[in-house]
Amino acid sequence: MRFDVITLFPDFFTTPLNLGLLGKALDKNIAKVNLVNPRDYTTDKYKKVDDESYGGGVGMVLKPEPIFAAVESLPTLSKREVILLTPQGERMHQGMFRQFATEYDQLLLICGHYEGIDERVEYLVTKEVSLGDFVLTSGEIPALALINGVVRLLPGTVGKAESLANESFESELLDYPHYTRPANFRGWKVPEVLLSGHHAEIARWRYEQQIQRTKSRRPDLLKNNDP
């Protein structure tokens, strides 16, 4: 899969894209991330990418010309989504990541800054996406979250693909508790069922824990489940 990121701060991505499973996936060409700075597509000597808002108001607005030029410089794959990272978009969720990972070859991400982006950039955009109901200083943070969430679902990124199946949100339930050695740490013991070796009982216990956790922490997720 190809990711093209329109960003004023390419260096923001340098370290995260080289770490952990994400870095390994990029090394193996499971995915490619191409960083594009719209300043490189300005036509004035000051490389100006923002300007004052028509009608007045506080803050600067990203100009449309550099963003259009940056986007139009990129190849267009047949299955492409052009995504604007904005608080006004659809909140990210696991189903969205699954759809991106299975149905698209190219995700083009436009990172916003300042007070906003000229509304005419919407003519480029096919989907608006938000990290949540809050405002951040820039679109790079949600863009990195989206890249991470999608790449880890691509075949070959996670060593054991079956480990993805029981994670939080894959079944609209939160994940069950996990334990490792020692069996007794400061008086807190691993549940006996996990030490029993009885796989059916362990599976039953884990599912019950998923239900209990979801009820207490995210009851909204149970609307499509019938525990």
Protein backbone atom coordinates (compact mmCIF):
# COMPACT_ATOMS: atom_id res chain seq x y z
CA MET A 1 0.00 0.00 0.00
CA ARG A 2 1.14 3.53 -0.77
CA PHE A 3 0.69 6.45 1.64
CA ASP A 4 1.27 9.99 0.39
CA VAL A 5 1.34 12.58 3.17
CA ILE A 6 1.00 16.29 2.41
CA THR A 7 2.73 17.85 5.42
CA LEU A 8 4.53 21.05 6.34
CA PHE A 9 6.64 19.05 8.81
CA PRO A 10 8.04 15.90 7.17
CA ASP A 11 10.54 15.49 10.00
CA PHE A 12 7.65 14.75 12.35
CA PHE A 13 7.35 11.31 10.75
CA THR A 14 11.03 10.40 10.50
CA THR A 15 11.54 8.59 13.82
CA PRO A 16 8.09 6.95 14.22
CA LEU A 17 8.24 5.49 10.71
CA ASN A 18 11.51 3.76 11.53
CA LEU A 19 10.48 2.11 14.79
CA GLY A 20 8.90 -1.22 15.71
CA LEU A 21 6.52 -3.14 13.49
CA LEU A 22 5.81 -0.07 11.41
CA GLY A 23 9.48 0.38 10.55
CA LYS A 24 9.85 -3.32 9.74
CA ALA A 25 6.78 -3.26 7.49
CA LEU A 26 8.20 -0.33 5.53
CA ASP A 27 11.58 -2.05 5.27
CA LYS A 28 9.84 -5.11 3.79
CA ASN A 29 7.91 -2.90 1.33
CA ILE A 30 4.58 -3.99 2.77
CA ALA A 31 3.76 -0.29 2.65
CA LYS A 32 5.44 2.86 1.38
CA VAL A 33 5.15 6.32 2.93
CA ASN A 34 5.94 9.28 0.70
CA LEU A 35 6.21 12.66 2.43
CA VAL A 36 5.44 15.79 0.40
CA ASN A 37 5.97 19.34 1.67
CA PRO A 38 3.60 21.86 0.04
CA ARG A 39 6.25 24.56 0.57
CA ASP A 40 8.12 22.91 -2.29
CA TYR A 41 5.20 23.82 -4.57
CA THR A 42 4.93 27.52 -3.76
CA THR A 43 5.77 30.11 -6.42
CA ASP A 44 6.92 33.09 -4.33
CA LYS A 45 10.40 33.62 -2.90
CA TYR A 46 9.12 33.38 0.69
CA LYS A 47 7.51 29.94 0.11
CA LYS A 48 4.32 31.23 1.68
CA VAL A 49 1.69 28.56 2.37
CA ASP A 50 -0.80 30.53 4.48
CA ASP A 51 -2.64 33.83 4.40
CA GLU A 52 -5.24 35.85 6.30
CA SER A 53 -8.85 34.73 6.24
CA TYR A 54 -11.34 36.53 4.02
CA GLY A 55 -13.94 38.15 6.25
CA GLY A 56 -11.49 38.60 9.10
CA GLY A 57 -10.92 36.45 12.12
CA VAL A 58 -8.10 35.10 14.23
CA GLY A 59 -5.43 32.85 12.76
CA MET A 60 -4.05 32.03 9.35
CA VAL A 61 -5.51 29.76 6.68
CA LEU A 62 -3.57 27.35 4.46
CA LYS A 63 -3.64 28.46 0.84
CA PRO A 64 -5.11 26.13 -1.79
CA GLU A 65 -2.47 26.52 -4.52
CA PRO A 66 0.44 24.67 -2.85
CA ILE A 67 -1.81 21.84 -1.70
CA PHE A 68 -3.37 21.36 -5.14
CA ALA A 69 0.06 21.44 -6.77
CA ALA A 70 1.45 18.91 -4.27
CA VAL A 71 -1.46 16.53 -4.74
CA GLU A 72 -1.43 16.86 -8.53
CA SER A 73 2.29 16.02 -8.61
CA LEU A 74 1.58 12.52 -7.28
CA PRO A 75 0.63 9.39 -9.20
CA THR A 76 -2.98 8.26 -8.93
CA LEU A 77 -3.54 4.58 -8.24
CA SER A 78 -6.85 3.00 -9.19
CA LYS A 79 -8.06 2.51 -5.60
CA ARG A 80 -7.24 5.81 -3.93
CA GLU A 81 -8.75 7.77 -1.06
CA VAL A 82 -7.80 11.42 -0.51
CA ILE A 83 -8.17 12.08 3.20
CA LEU A 84 -8.24 15.41 5.00
CA LEU A 85 -7.31 15.11 8.67
CA THR A 86 -9.74 17.45 10.43
CA PRO A 87 -11.72 17.57 13.70
CA GLN A 88 -14.84 17.82 11.53
CA GLY A 89 -14.31 14.38 9.98
CA GLU A 90 -15.49 10.88 10.80
CA ARG A 91 -13.81 9.58 13.93
CA MET A 92 -11.24 6.87 13.35
CA HIS A 93 -12.31 3.34 14.26
CA GLN A 94 -11.13 -0.19 13.64
CA GLY A 95 -13.66 -0.81 10.88
CA MET A 96 -12.33 2.20 9.00
CA PHE A 97 -8.78 0.87 9.25
CA ARG A 98 -9.90 -2.55 8.01
CA GLN A 99 -11.64 -0.98 5.03
CA PHE A 100 -8.57 1.08 4.13
CA ALA A 101 -6.30 -1.96 4.48
CA THR A 102 -8.43 -4.24 2.30
CA GLU A 103 -10.05 -1.96 -0.27
CA TYR A 104 -7.43 0.66 -1.15
CA ASP A 105 -3.99 0.75 -2.77
CA GLN A 106 -3.26 4.39 -2.01
CA LEU A 107 -4.16 6.72 0.86
CA LEU A 108 -3.30 10.37 0.34
CA LEU A 109 -3.34 12.26 3.63
CA ILE A 110 -3.58 16.05 3.86
CA CYS A 111 -2.42 17.43 7.21
CA GLY A 112 -4.05 20.66 8.31
CA HIS A 113 -2.44 23.51 10.28
CA TYR A 114 -3.15 26.92 11.75
CA GLU A 115 -6.79 28.04 11.76
CA GLY A 116 -7.73 25.71 8.92
CA ILE A 117 -7.45 25.00 5.21
CA ASP A 118 -9.02 26.94 2.36
CA GLU A 119 -12.42 25.36 1.76
CA ARG A 120 -11.68 24.80 -1.91
CA VAL A 121 -9.26 22.02 -0.98
CA GLU A 122 -12.46 20.02 -0.44
CA TYR A 123 -12.60 19.56 -4.22
CA LEU A 124 -9.61 17.25 -3.84
CA VAL A 125 -10.87 15.37 -0.80
CA THR A 126 -12.87 12.16 -0.88
CA LYS A 127 -13.05 11.60 2.90
CA GLU A 128 -12.58 13.63 6.09
CA VAL A 129 -11.16 11.82 9.12
CA SER A 130 -10.73 12.88 12.75
CA LEU A 131 -8.73 11.37 15.60
CA GLY A 132 -11.45 12.38 18.06
CA ASP A 133 -13.62 15.16 19.40
CA PHE A 134 -10.79 17.53 20.24
CA VAL A 135 -8.44 19.93 18.47
CA LEU A 136 -4.69 19.36 17.99
CA THR A 137 -1.97 21.68 16.75
CA SER A 138 -1.65 19.87 13.45
CA GLY A 139 -2.86 17.00 11.29
CA GLU A 140 0.41 15.08 11.52
CA ILE A 141 -0.59 13.37 14.78
CA PRO A 142 -3.82 11.83 13.43
CA ALA A 143 -2.09 11.06 10.12
CA LEU A 144 0.54 9.01 11.93
CA ALA A 145 -2.16 7.23 13.95
CA LEU A 146 -4.01 6.35 10.75
CA ILE A 147 -0.87 5.05 9.02
CA ASN A 148 -0.01 2.92 12.05
CA GLY A 149 -3.53 1.53 12.38
CA VAL A 150 -3.75 0.57 8.72
CA VAL A 151 -0.23 -0.79 8.18
CA ARG A 152 -0.48 -3.21 11.12
CA LEU A 153 -3.47 -4.82 9.40
CA LEU A 154 -1.64 -5.41 6.13
CA PRO A 155 -0.55 -9.03 5.52
CA GLY A 156 2.98 -9.63 6.73
CA THR A 157 3.19 -6.80 9.27
CA VAL A 158 2.16 -8.81 12.34
CA GLY A 159 3.97 -12.14 12.69
CA LYS A 160 0.92 -14.10 13.77
CA ALA A 161 -2.07 -12.83 11.83
CA GLU A 162 -4.48 -14.67 14.15
CA SER A 163 -3.35 -12.41 17.00
CA LEU A 164 -5.27 -9.57 15.33
CA ALA A 165 -8.59 -11.39 15.51
CA ASN A 166 -9.20 -11.10 19.26
CA GLU A 167 -8.04 -7.54 19.81
CA SER A 168 -10.14 -4.70 21.12
CA PHE A 169 -12.78 -3.51 18.64
CA GLU A 170 -12.31 -6.39 16.19
CA SER A 171 -15.56 -7.92 17.50
CA GLU A 172 -16.88 -4.62 18.90
CA LEU A 173 -15.67 -5.81 22.30
CA LEU A 174 -12.65 -4.71 24.28
CA ASP A 175 -9.72 -7.07 24.65
CA TYR A 176 -9.52 -9.56 27.54
CA PRO A 177 -6.85 -9.24 30.29
CA HIS A 178 -3.37 -10.58 29.56
CA TYR A 179 -0.90 -12.08 32.04
CA THR A 180 2.64 -13.43 31.88
CA ARG A 181 5.24 -14.70 34.37
CA PRO A 182 5.53 -14.57 37.33
CA ALA A 183 2.28 -16.26 38.32
CA ASN A 184 2.32 -14.32 41.61
CA PHE A 185 3.56 -10.73 41.59
CA ARG A 186 3.34 -8.84 44.90
CA GLY A 187 0.36 -10.95 45.89
CA TRP A 188 -1.52 -10.39 42.64
CA LYS A 189 -2.04 -13.82 41.15
CA VAL A 190 -2.77 -14.95 37.62
CA PRO A 191 -6.34 -16.33 37.42
CA GLU A 192 -6.30 -20.09 37.98
CA VAL A 193 -8.19 -20.80 34.77
CA LEU A 194 -5.25 -19.49 32.73
CA LEU A 195 -2.96 -21.99 34.43
CA SER A 196 -5.33 -24.92 33.93
CA GLY A 197 -4.41 -25.79 30.35
CA HIS A 198 -8.13 -26.25 29.60
CA HIS A 199 -8.48 -24.35 26.34
CA ALA A 200 -12.27 -24.32 26.20
CA GLU A 201 -12.51 -22.94 29.74
CA ILE A 202 -9.84 -20.35 28.97
CA ALA A 203 -11.72 -19.24 25.84
CA ARG A 204 -14.95 -19.00 27.82
CA TRP A 205 -13.26 -16.97 30.59
CA ARG A 206 -11.69 -14.60 28.08
CA TYR A 207 -14.99 -13.96 26.33
CA GLU A 208 -16.69 -13.30 29.67
CA GLN A 209 -13.93 -10.85 30.53
CA GLN A 210 -14.44 -9.08 27.22
CA ILE A 211 -18.14 -8.67 27.94
CA GLN A 212 -17.53 -7.43 31.50
CA ARG A 213 -14.84 -4.99 30.43
CA THR A 214 -16.91 -3.60 27.60
CA LYS A 215 -19.96 -3.18 29.84
CA SER A 216 -17.97 -1.26 32.44
CA ARG A 217 -15.69 0.78 30.20
CA ARG A 218 -17.39 1.15 26.80
CA PRO A 219 -21.07 0.12 27.05
CA ASP A 220 -21.73 1.97 23.79
CA LEU A 221 -19.91 -0.82 21.95
CA LEU A 222 -22.46 -3.40 23.07
CA LYS A 223 -25.27 -2.01 20.95
CA ASN A 224 -24.50 -4.49 18.18
CA ASN A 225 -23.72 -7.39 20.51
CA ASP A 226 -26.06 -9.75 22.31
CA PRO A 227 -24.03 -11.14 25.22
